[in-house]
Amino acid sequence: MRKYRLRHLFIACCCCILLTVVVIRPKTAPEYTKTSQTDEVRVYFSPSPACENNILAAISKSQQIDVAVYSITNHNIVNTLIAAYERGARIRIVTDRTQAKGKYSLVDKLRGAGIAVRIHKGYNIEHNKFAVFDNNYVVTGSYNWTTGATKHNSENCIFLSQPVQEYKQRFETLWSKYGS
C-alpha cells in the first residue's frame, strides 16, 4: 500500500513539474530585433518588463515626445514622462476620454505636472497605442501604458525607425482634432 501511495505521489509531482514548465509561461517573454542599414525593428512581448523598460529608456533620452495611447495607469511611465518634462522635453499626449476618467487613470497627474494632454472627441474611443520620439522612431503595438500590460497581459510593442512620418502625421491630425 505504501509503495502504491509513493508511486502516485511521484506521478503527481512529475505532473506538477510538467504543468509548470509547459503550461505556465515564464515571466520573461521573447525579444526580436532586426537591424539593417536604414531600418531598425525591435519587438518585445509581455507579460514582462521589456516593453515598459524600453519605453522608459526612450522617454529618458528624448527631447520631443508625442503620445497617442488608450490608457495610462503605469506610475513608472508617468513619473518618467514628468521627469522628462521637468528637464525640458516637449511632451504632448492624446488619450481616451473614458479611460482618462477611470479610477486608476494618471491623466490628472500628467496635467497637474504641466504636460499637455488632450482627451479625444469625435470617435467612439481613442484606441491608438503609439508614441513618436524625437521624430526618429516610433513605439506601437497592443501595449497600453498600464501596469497590467507589463505584469499580467499578453501584449506586444514594436519599436520602428520607419515609418515615422506616417505616425507623426496621424498624431498631428489627432492633436488638431481634439483641440485644447
N, C-alpha and C. Protein backbone atom coordinates (compact mmCIF):
# COMPACT_ATOMS: atom_id res chain seq x y z
N MET A 1 0.82 -1.19 0.00
CA MET A 1 0.00 0.00 0.00
C MET A 1 0.87 1.25 0.00
N ARG A 2 1.92 1.24 0.82
CA ARG A 2 2.82 2.39 0.91
C ARG A 2 3.50 2.64 -0.43
N LYS A 3 3.92 1.55 -1.11
CA LYS A 3 4.55 1.66 -2.41
C LYS A 3 3.58 2.31 -3.41
N TYR A 4 2.31 1.93 -3.33
CA TYR A 4 1.26 2.46 -4.18
C TYR A 4 1.12 3.97 -3.99
N ARG A 5 1.10 4.45 -2.73
CA ARG A 5 0.99 5.88 -2.43
C ARG A 5 2.21 6.65 -2.91
N LEU A 6 3.40 6.09 -2.71
CA LEU A 6 4.62 6.75 -3.17
C LEU A 6 4.63 6.89 -4.69
N ARG A 7 4.16 5.85 -5.35
CA ARG A 7 4.10 5.89 -6.82
C ARG A 7 3.17 7.01 -7.27
N HIS A 8 2.00 7.14 -6.66
CA HIS A 8 1.04 8.19 -7.02
C HIS A 8 1.59 9.58 -6.67
N LEU A 9 2.28 9.67 -5.56
CA LEU A 9 2.90 10.93 -5.17
C LEU A 9 3.96 11.34 -6.19
N PHE A 10 4.77 10.37 -6.62
CA PHE A 10 5.79 10.62 -7.63
C PHE A 10 5.15 11.09 -8.93
N ILE A 11 4.12 10.43 -9.38
CA ILE A 11 3.43 10.80 -10.62
C ILE A 11 2.82 12.20 -10.48
N ALA A 12 2.24 12.51 -9.35
CA ALA A 12 1.65 13.83 -9.12
C ALA A 12 2.72 14.92 -9.17
N CYS A 13 3.87 14.66 -8.58
CA CYS A 13 4.97 15.64 -8.60
C CYS A 13 5.46 15.86 -10.03
N CYS A 14 5.60 14.79 -10.78
CA CYS A 14 6.04 14.91 -12.18
C CYS A 14 5.03 15.73 -12.99
N CYS A 15 3.76 15.48 -12.76
CA CYS A 15 2.71 16.23 -13.47
C CYS A 15 2.78 17.71 -13.12
N CYS A 16 3.01 18.02 -11.87
CA CYS A 16 3.12 19.43 -11.44
C CYS A 16 4.31 20.11 -12.10
N ILE A 17 5.42 19.43 -12.16
CA ILE A 17 6.61 19.99 -12.80
C ILE A 17 6.35 20.21 -14.29
N LEU A 18 5.77 19.23 -14.94
CA LEU A 18 5.45 19.34 -16.36
C LEU A 18 4.47 20.49 -16.60
N LEU A 19 3.48 20.61 -15.77
CA LEU A 19 2.50 21.69 -15.88
C LEU A 19 3.18 23.05 -15.74
N THR A 20 4.07 23.15 -14.79
CA THR A 20 4.80 24.41 -14.56
C THR A 20 5.66 24.77 -15.76
N VAL A 21 6.36 23.79 -16.34
CA VAL A 21 7.28 24.05 -17.44
C VAL A 21 6.53 24.29 -18.75
N VAL A 22 5.50 23.51 -19.04
CA VAL A 22 4.85 23.56 -20.34
C VAL A 22 3.69 24.56 -20.38
N VAL A 23 2.84 24.56 -19.40
CA VAL A 23 1.62 25.36 -19.46
C VAL A 23 1.82 26.76 -18.91
N ILE A 24 2.45 26.89 -17.77
CA ILE A 24 2.64 28.20 -17.17
C ILE A 24 3.88 28.81 -17.79
N ARG A 25 3.71 29.90 -18.49
CA ARG A 25 4.83 30.52 -19.20
C ARG A 25 5.72 31.29 -18.25
N PRO A 26 6.98 31.38 -18.59
CA PRO A 26 7.88 32.15 -17.74
C PRO A 26 7.54 33.63 -17.78
N LYS A 27 7.99 34.37 -16.77
CA LYS A 27 7.71 35.81 -16.67
C LYS A 27 8.42 36.60 -17.75
N THR A 28 9.51 36.09 -18.29
CA THR A 28 10.19 36.81 -19.34
C THR A 28 9.67 36.35 -20.68
N ALA A 29 9.40 37.30 -21.55
CA ALA A 29 8.88 37.00 -22.87
C ALA A 29 9.99 37.17 -23.89
N PRO A 30 9.84 36.55 -25.06
CA PRO A 30 10.89 36.64 -26.06
C PRO A 30 11.04 38.05 -26.62
N GLU A 31 12.19 38.28 -27.18
CA GLU A 31 12.50 39.56 -27.79
C GLU A 31 13.00 39.30 -29.20
N TYR A 32 12.66 40.17 -30.13
CA TYR A 32 13.11 40.04 -31.51
C TYR A 32 13.71 41.37 -31.93
N THR A 33 14.87 41.34 -32.53
CA THR A 33 15.50 42.55 -33.03
C THR A 33 16.03 42.30 -34.43
N LYS A 34 15.73 43.24 -35.34
CA LYS A 34 16.25 43.18 -36.70
C LYS A 34 16.78 44.57 -37.03
N THR A 35 17.99 44.64 -37.50
CA THR A 35 18.57 45.92 -37.86
C THR A 35 19.17 45.82 -39.25
N SER A 36 18.88 46.82 -40.07
CA SER A 36 19.53 46.95 -41.37
C SER A 36 20.18 48.32 -41.41
N GLN A 37 20.76 48.68 -42.53
CA GLN A 37 21.41 49.99 -42.63
C GLN A 37 20.42 51.14 -42.51
N THR A 38 19.19 50.93 -42.93
CA THR A 38 18.21 52.02 -42.93
C THR A 38 17.12 51.87 -41.89
N ASP A 39 16.82 50.67 -41.49
CA ASP A 39 15.69 50.44 -40.58
C ASP A 39 16.11 49.60 -39.38
N GLU A 40 15.48 49.91 -38.27
CA GLU A 40 15.65 49.08 -37.09
C GLU A 40 14.27 48.70 -36.59
N VAL A 41 14.11 47.44 -36.22
CA VAL A 41 12.86 46.94 -35.66
C VAL A 41 13.20 46.16 -34.40
N ARG A 42 12.57 46.55 -33.29
CA ARG A 42 12.72 45.81 -32.04
C ARG A 42 11.33 45.44 -31.57
N VAL A 43 11.12 44.19 -31.24
CA VAL A 43 9.81 43.69 -30.83
C VAL A 43 9.95 43.05 -29.45
N TYR A 44 9.02 43.40 -28.57
CA TYR A 44 9.01 42.86 -27.21
C TYR A 44 7.60 42.37 -26.88
N PHE A 45 7.53 41.41 -25.98
CA PHE A 45 6.25 40.84 -25.58
C PHE A 45 6.12 40.89 -24.06
N SER A 46 4.89 40.95 -23.60
CA SER A 46 4.61 40.88 -22.17
C SER A 46 3.63 39.73 -21.96
N PRO A 47 3.47 39.25 -20.76
CA PRO A 47 3.92 39.91 -19.54
C PRO A 47 5.42 39.78 -19.35
N SER A 48 6.04 40.91 -19.20
CA SER A 48 7.46 41.05 -18.87
C SER A 48 7.72 42.55 -18.78
N PRO A 49 8.84 42.94 -18.22
CA PRO A 49 9.15 44.37 -18.14
C PRO A 49 9.75 44.94 -19.42
N ALA A 50 9.89 44.15 -20.46
CA ALA A 50 10.61 44.59 -21.67
C ALA A 50 9.98 45.81 -22.34
N CYS A 51 8.67 45.80 -22.58
CA CYS A 51 8.03 46.96 -23.21
C CYS A 51 8.19 48.19 -22.33
N GLU A 52 7.84 48.05 -21.06
CA GLU A 52 7.93 49.18 -20.14
C GLU A 52 9.35 49.73 -20.07
N ASN A 53 10.34 48.87 -19.90
CA ASN A 53 11.72 49.33 -19.76
C ASN A 53 12.21 50.05 -21.01
N ASN A 54 11.83 49.57 -22.18
CA ASN A 54 12.27 50.21 -23.42
C ASN A 54 11.54 51.53 -23.66
N ILE A 55 10.28 51.62 -23.23
CA ILE A 55 9.56 52.89 -23.30
C ILE A 55 10.19 53.89 -22.33
N LEU A 56 10.52 53.46 -21.13
CA LEU A 56 11.17 54.33 -20.16
C LEU A 56 12.50 54.86 -20.70
N ALA A 57 13.27 53.99 -21.32
CA ALA A 57 14.57 54.41 -21.89
C ALA A 57 14.36 55.42 -23.01
N ALA A 58 13.36 55.20 -23.85
CA ALA A 58 13.09 56.13 -24.95
C ALA A 58 12.66 57.49 -24.41
N ILE A 59 11.79 57.50 -23.41
CA ILE A 59 11.35 58.76 -22.81
C ILE A 59 12.55 59.50 -22.20
N SER A 60 13.38 58.77 -21.50
CA SER A 60 14.51 59.37 -20.78
C SER A 60 15.52 60.06 -21.69
N LYS A 61 15.65 59.58 -22.92
CA LYS A 61 16.66 60.18 -23.80
C LYS A 61 16.07 61.08 -24.88
N SER A 62 14.75 61.30 -24.87
CA SER A 62 14.12 62.10 -25.92
C SER A 62 13.84 63.53 -25.47
N GLN A 63 13.84 64.43 -26.43
CA GLN A 63 13.52 65.84 -26.19
C GLN A 63 12.13 66.21 -26.67
N GLN A 64 11.57 65.39 -27.56
CA GLN A 64 10.23 65.63 -28.09
C GLN A 64 9.49 64.31 -28.13
N ILE A 65 8.34 64.26 -27.44
CA ILE A 65 7.59 63.01 -27.32
C ILE A 65 6.12 63.30 -27.58
N ASP A 66 5.57 62.64 -28.59
CA ASP A 66 4.14 62.72 -28.89
C ASP A 66 3.54 61.33 -28.67
N VAL A 67 2.51 61.27 -27.82
CA VAL A 67 1.94 60.00 -27.39
C VAL A 67 0.45 59.97 -27.71
N ALA A 68 0.00 58.89 -28.34
CA ALA A 68 -1.42 58.61 -28.52
C ALA A 68 -1.65 57.23 -27.90
N VAL A 69 -2.35 57.22 -26.76
CA VAL A 69 -2.49 55.96 -26.03
C VAL A 69 -3.88 55.88 -25.40
N TYR A 70 -4.41 54.69 -25.39
CA TYR A 70 -5.75 54.44 -24.88
C TYR A 70 -5.85 54.63 -23.37
N SER A 71 -4.91 54.06 -22.64
CA SER A 71 -4.99 54.07 -21.18
C SER A 71 -3.62 54.34 -20.58
N ILE A 72 -3.58 55.17 -19.54
CA ILE A 72 -2.32 55.50 -18.87
C ILE A 72 -2.52 55.32 -17.36
N THR A 73 -2.02 54.19 -16.85
CA THR A 73 -2.11 53.92 -15.41
C THR A 73 -0.77 53.45 -14.83
N ASN A 74 0.26 53.44 -15.65
CA ASN A 74 1.57 52.95 -15.21
C ASN A 74 2.35 54.08 -14.54
N HIS A 75 2.57 53.97 -13.23
CA HIS A 75 3.27 55.02 -12.47
C HIS A 75 4.70 55.23 -12.96
N ASN A 76 5.40 54.16 -13.32
CA ASN A 76 6.78 54.31 -13.79
C ASN A 76 6.84 55.14 -15.07
N ILE A 77 5.95 54.85 -15.99
CA ILE A 77 5.93 55.60 -17.26
C ILE A 77 5.54 57.05 -17.00
N VAL A 78 4.52 57.26 -16.20
CA VAL A 78 4.07 58.63 -15.90
C VAL A 78 5.16 59.43 -15.19
N ASN A 79 5.80 58.84 -14.20
CA ASN A 79 6.86 59.54 -13.49
C ASN A 79 8.03 59.87 -14.40
N THR A 80 8.33 58.99 -15.34
CA THR A 80 9.42 59.24 -16.29
C THR A 80 9.02 60.34 -17.28
N LEU A 81 7.76 60.36 -17.69
CA LEU A 81 7.28 61.46 -18.55
C LEU A 81 7.39 62.80 -17.82
N ILE A 82 7.00 62.82 -16.56
CA ILE A 82 7.07 64.06 -15.78
C ILE A 82 8.53 64.51 -15.62
N ALA A 83 9.42 63.56 -15.34
CA ALA A 83 10.85 63.91 -15.22
C ALA A 83 11.39 64.45 -16.53
N ALA A 84 10.98 63.87 -17.64
CA ALA A 84 11.42 64.37 -18.96
C ALA A 84 10.89 65.78 -19.19
N TYR A 85 9.65 66.00 -18.84
CA TYR A 85 9.05 67.33 -18.99
C TYR A 85 9.81 68.35 -18.12
N GLU A 86 10.13 67.96 -16.92
CA GLU A 86 10.83 68.87 -16.00
C GLU A 86 12.26 69.19 -16.46
N ARG A 87 12.86 68.31 -17.25
CA ARG A 87 14.20 68.60 -17.78
C ARG A 87 14.11 69.35 -19.12
N GLY A 88 12.88 69.65 -19.57
CA GLY A 88 12.70 70.48 -20.76
C GLY A 88 12.18 69.78 -22.00
N ALA A 89 11.86 68.50 -21.93
CA ALA A 89 11.32 67.80 -23.10
C ALA A 89 9.92 68.33 -23.41
N ARG A 90 9.60 68.43 -24.69
CA ARG A 90 8.26 68.80 -25.11
C ARG A 90 7.44 67.52 -25.23
N ILE A 91 6.36 67.45 -24.48
CA ILE A 91 5.53 66.24 -24.44
C ILE A 91 4.08 66.62 -24.72
N ARG A 92 3.47 65.88 -25.64
CA ARG A 92 2.04 66.03 -25.93
C ARG A 92 1.41 64.65 -25.91
N ILE A 93 0.23 64.56 -25.30
CA ILE A 93 -0.45 63.28 -25.16
C ILE A 93 -1.91 63.42 -25.58
N VAL A 94 -2.38 62.46 -26.38
CA VAL A 94 -3.82 62.33 -26.62
C VAL A 94 -4.23 60.96 -26.08
N THR A 95 -5.41 60.94 -25.44
CA THR A 95 -5.86 59.70 -24.81
C THR A 95 -7.38 59.60 -24.85
N ASP A 96 -7.87 58.47 -24.46
CA ASP A 96 -9.30 58.17 -24.49
C ASP A 96 -10.06 58.85 -23.34
N ARG A 97 -11.21 59.40 -23.65
CA ARG A 97 -11.98 60.14 -22.62
C ARG A 97 -12.50 59.23 -21.52
N THR A 98 -12.96 58.04 -21.87
CA THR A 98 -13.48 57.13 -20.85
C THR A 98 -12.36 56.64 -19.94
N GLN A 99 -11.24 56.28 -20.53
CA GLN A 99 -10.10 55.82 -19.75
C GLN A 99 -9.52 56.94 -18.88
N ALA A 100 -9.53 58.17 -19.39
CA ALA A 100 -8.99 59.31 -18.64
C ALA A 100 -9.78 59.56 -17.36
N LYS A 101 -11.04 59.17 -17.35
CA LYS A 101 -11.88 59.36 -16.16
C LYS A 101 -11.86 58.14 -15.24
N GLY A 102 -11.14 57.11 -15.62
CA GLY A 102 -11.11 55.87 -14.85
C GLY A 102 -10.46 56.02 -13.49
N LYS A 103 -10.79 55.09 -12.62
CA LYS A 103 -10.33 55.10 -11.24
C LYS A 103 -8.80 55.14 -11.13
N TYR A 104 -8.10 54.44 -12.01
CA TYR A 104 -6.65 54.33 -11.90
C TYR A 104 -5.91 55.23 -12.89
N SER A 105 -6.64 56.02 -13.63
CA SER A 105 -6.02 56.90 -14.62
C SER A 105 -5.06 57.88 -13.97
N LEU A 106 -3.94 58.14 -14.65
CA LEU A 106 -2.95 59.10 -14.17
C LEU A 106 -2.92 60.35 -15.04
N VAL A 107 -3.96 60.55 -15.82
CA VAL A 107 -4.04 61.73 -16.70
C VAL A 107 -4.02 63.01 -15.88
N ASP A 108 -4.73 63.06 -14.78
CA ASP A 108 -4.73 64.28 -13.94
C ASP A 108 -3.34 64.57 -13.38
N LYS A 109 -2.59 63.54 -13.05
CA LYS A 109 -1.23 63.73 -12.56
C LYS A 109 -0.35 64.35 -13.65
N LEU A 110 -0.51 63.87 -14.89
CA LEU A 110 0.25 64.43 -16.01
C LEU A 110 -0.11 65.90 -16.24
N ARG A 111 -1.40 66.17 -16.24
CA ARG A 111 -1.85 67.56 -16.42
C ARG A 111 -1.38 68.45 -15.27
N GLY A 112 -1.44 67.93 -14.06
CA GLY A 112 -1.00 68.69 -12.89
C GLY A 112 0.47 69.04 -12.95
N ALA A 113 1.25 68.22 -13.65
CA ALA A 113 2.68 68.49 -13.81
C ALA A 113 2.94 69.50 -14.93
N GLY A 114 1.88 69.83 -15.69
CA GLY A 114 2.04 70.80 -16.76
C GLY A 114 2.12 70.20 -18.15
N ILE A 115 2.02 68.90 -18.26
CA ILE A 115 2.10 68.23 -19.56
C ILE A 115 0.79 68.44 -20.33
N ALA A 116 0.91 68.75 -21.61
CA ALA A 116 -0.25 68.98 -22.47
C ALA A 116 -0.92 67.65 -22.78
N VAL A 117 -2.16 67.51 -22.33
CA VAL A 117 -2.94 66.29 -22.57
C VAL A 117 -4.27 66.70 -23.21
N ARG A 118 -4.60 66.06 -24.30
CA ARG A 118 -5.90 66.28 -24.93
C ARG A 118 -6.68 64.97 -24.91
N ILE A 119 -7.96 65.12 -24.56
CA ILE A 119 -8.86 63.97 -24.48
C ILE A 119 -9.64 63.90 -25.79
N HIS A 120 -9.78 62.70 -26.29
CA HIS A 120 -10.40 62.55 -27.62
C HIS A 120 -11.87 62.95 -27.63
N LYS A 121 -12.30 63.34 -28.79
CA LYS A 121 -13.71 63.57 -29.07
C LYS A 121 -13.94 63.28 -30.54
N GLY A 122 -15.10 62.80 -30.86
CA GLY A 122 -15.42 62.55 -32.25
C GLY A 122 -15.39 61.10 -32.66
N TYR A 123 -14.59 60.29 -32.02
CA TYR A 123 -14.58 58.86 -32.29
C TYR A 123 -15.19 58.15 -31.09
N ASN A 124 -15.60 56.89 -31.30
CA ASN A 124 -16.13 56.13 -30.16
C ASN A 124 -15.09 56.01 -29.06
N ILE A 125 -13.89 55.59 -29.42
CA ILE A 125 -12.78 55.51 -28.46
C ILE A 125 -11.48 55.94 -29.15
N GLU A 126 -10.53 56.37 -28.36
CA GLU A 126 -9.18 56.65 -28.87
C GLU A 126 -8.35 55.42 -28.52
N HIS A 127 -8.25 54.50 -29.46
CA HIS A 127 -7.66 53.20 -29.18
C HIS A 127 -6.24 53.05 -29.69
N ASN A 128 -5.65 54.14 -30.18
CA ASN A 128 -4.26 54.08 -30.62
C ASN A 128 -3.35 53.78 -29.44
N LYS A 129 -2.21 53.22 -29.77
CA LYS A 129 -1.16 52.97 -28.79
C LYS A 129 0.16 53.18 -29.51
N PHE A 130 0.59 54.44 -29.60
CA PHE A 130 1.87 54.71 -30.21
C PHE A 130 2.47 55.98 -29.63
N ALA A 131 3.78 56.09 -29.79
CA ALA A 131 4.49 57.30 -29.39
C ALA A 131 5.59 57.55 -30.41
N VAL A 132 5.81 58.83 -30.70
CA VAL A 132 6.87 59.25 -31.61
C VAL A 132 7.93 59.95 -30.76
N PHE A 133 9.17 59.50 -30.87
CA PHE A 133 10.27 60.04 -30.07
C PHE A 133 11.24 60.80 -30.98
N ASP A 134 11.37 62.10 -30.73
CA ASP A 134 12.31 62.96 -31.46
C ASP A 134 12.18 62.85 -32.98
N ASN A 135 11.01 62.52 -33.45
CA ASN A 135 10.76 62.34 -34.89
C ASN A 135 11.71 61.34 -35.53
N ASN A 136 12.30 60.46 -34.72
CA ASN A 136 13.27 59.48 -35.22
C ASN A 136 12.78 58.04 -35.17
N TYR A 137 11.95 57.73 -34.17
CA TYR A 137 11.45 56.38 -34.09
C TYR A 137 10.11 56.35 -33.35
N VAL A 138 9.44 55.24 -33.50
CA VAL A 138 8.07 55.06 -33.00
C VAL A 138 8.01 53.78 -32.19
N VAL A 139 7.18 53.80 -31.13
CA VAL A 139 6.79 52.56 -30.48
C VAL A 139 5.29 52.42 -30.72
N THR A 140 4.86 51.24 -31.10
CA THR A 140 3.45 50.95 -31.34
C THR A 140 3.20 49.50 -30.96
N GLY A 141 1.97 49.08 -31.06
CA GLY A 141 1.60 47.70 -30.73
C GLY A 141 0.37 47.69 -29.85
N SER A 142 0.09 46.57 -29.24
CA SER A 142 -1.10 46.43 -28.40
C SER A 142 -0.87 46.93 -26.98
N TYR A 143 0.37 47.21 -26.63
CA TYR A 143 0.75 47.55 -25.25
C TYR A 143 0.14 48.89 -24.82
N ASN A 144 -0.79 48.84 -23.86
CA ASN A 144 -1.29 50.05 -23.21
C ASN A 144 -0.28 50.46 -22.15
N TRP A 145 -0.24 51.72 -21.82
CA TRP A 145 0.73 52.21 -20.84
C TRP A 145 0.17 52.01 -19.43
N THR A 146 -0.01 50.72 -19.09
CA THR A 146 -0.61 50.33 -17.83
C THR A 146 0.28 49.30 -17.12
N THR A 147 0.14 49.22 -15.83
CA THR A 147 0.87 48.20 -15.06
C THR A 147 0.39 46.81 -15.45
N GLY A 148 -0.91 46.68 -15.70
CA GLY A 148 -1.47 45.40 -16.12
C GLY A 148 -0.84 44.89 -17.41
N ALA A 149 -0.55 45.79 -18.34
CA ALA A 149 0.08 45.39 -19.60
C ALA A 149 1.47 44.83 -19.35
N THR A 150 2.17 45.38 -18.38
CA THR A 150 3.51 44.91 -18.05
C THR A 150 3.48 43.58 -17.30
N LYS A 151 2.59 43.48 -16.32
CA LYS A 151 2.64 42.34 -15.39
C LYS A 151 1.70 41.19 -15.70
N HIS A 152 0.59 41.46 -16.38
CA HIS A 152 -0.44 40.42 -16.47
C HIS A 152 -0.93 40.10 -17.87
N ASN A 153 -0.85 41.03 -18.80
CA ASN A 153 -1.49 40.85 -20.11
C ASN A 153 -0.52 40.30 -21.15
N SER A 154 -1.09 39.65 -22.13
CA SER A 154 -0.32 39.24 -23.31
C SER A 154 -0.36 40.41 -24.28
N GLU A 155 0.74 41.11 -24.40
CA GLU A 155 0.82 42.34 -25.20
C GLU A 155 2.08 42.31 -26.05
N ASN A 156 2.18 43.28 -26.94
CA ASN A 156 3.40 43.44 -27.72
C ASN A 156 3.67 44.93 -27.92
N CYS A 157 4.93 45.25 -28.10
CA CYS A 157 5.32 46.60 -28.51
C CYS A 157 6.43 46.47 -29.53
N ILE A 158 6.39 47.35 -30.50
CA ILE A 158 7.33 47.32 -31.61
C ILE A 158 7.96 48.69 -31.74
N PHE A 159 9.27 48.75 -31.72
CA PHE A 159 10.00 49.99 -31.95
C PHE A 159 10.47 49.99 -33.40
N LEU A 160 10.14 51.06 -34.11
CA LEU A 160 10.43 51.16 -35.54
C LEU A 160 11.15 52.47 -35.85
N SER A 161 12.09 52.42 -36.76
CA SER A 161 12.69 53.66 -37.25
C SER A 161 11.98 54.12 -38.53
N GLN A 162 11.17 53.29 -39.11
CA GLN A 162 10.34 53.63 -40.27
C GLN A 162 8.98 52.97 -40.05
N PRO A 163 7.88 53.52 -40.34
CA PRO A 163 7.53 54.79 -40.99
C PRO A 163 7.19 55.87 -39.96
N VAL A 164 8.14 56.63 -39.53
CA VAL A 164 7.93 57.64 -38.50
C VAL A 164 6.98 58.74 -38.99
N GLN A 165 7.14 59.21 -40.20
CA GLN A 165 6.35 60.35 -40.68
C GLN A 165 4.85 60.05 -40.71
N GLU A 166 4.48 58.83 -41.03
CA GLU A 166 3.06 58.47 -41.03
C GLU A 166 2.47 58.57 -39.63
N TYR A 167 3.21 58.11 -38.64
CA TYR A 167 2.75 58.21 -37.26
C TYR A 167 2.73 59.67 -36.80
N LYS A 168 3.72 60.43 -37.20
CA LYS A 168 3.77 61.85 -36.83
C LYS A 168 2.57 62.58 -37.43
N GLN A 169 2.25 62.31 -38.69
CA GLN A 169 1.09 62.93 -39.33
C GLN A 169 -0.20 62.53 -38.63
N ARG A 170 -0.33 61.28 -38.26
CA ARG A 170 -1.53 60.83 -37.56
C ARG A 170 -1.65 61.53 -36.22
N PHE A 171 -0.54 61.66 -35.50
CA PHE A 171 -0.59 62.35 -34.22
C PHE A 171 -1.04 63.80 -34.42
N GLU A 172 -0.48 64.49 -35.40
CA GLU A 172 -0.84 65.89 -35.65
C GLU A 172 -2.34 66.01 -35.98
N THR A 173 -2.86 65.04 -36.73
CA THR A 173 -4.30 65.03 -37.05
C THR A 173 -5.12 64.90 -35.77
N LEU A 174 -4.76 63.97 -34.91
CA LEU A 174 -5.49 63.76 -33.65
C LEU A 174 -5.35 64.99 -32.74
N TRP A 175 -4.16 65.54 -32.65
CA TRP A 175 -3.90 66.70 -31.78
C TRP A 175 -4.78 67.86 -32.22
N SER A 176 -4.86 68.09 -33.53
CA SER A 176 -5.70 69.19 -34.05
C SER A 176 -7.19 68.89 -33.82
N LYS A 177 -7.58 67.66 -34.10
CA LYS A 177 -9.00 67.28 -33.97
C LYS A 177 -9.51 67.44 -32.54
N TYR A 178 -8.67 67.11 -31.57
CA TYR A 178 -9.11 67.13 -30.17
C TYR A 178 -8.99 68.50 -29.51
N GLY A 179 -8.50 69.49 -30.25
CA GLY A 179 -8.47 70.86 -29.73
C GLY A 179 -7.74 70.99 -28.41
N SER A 180 -7.97 72.10 -27.74
CA SER A 180 -7.24 72.33 -26.48
C SER A 180 -8.06 71.98 -25.27
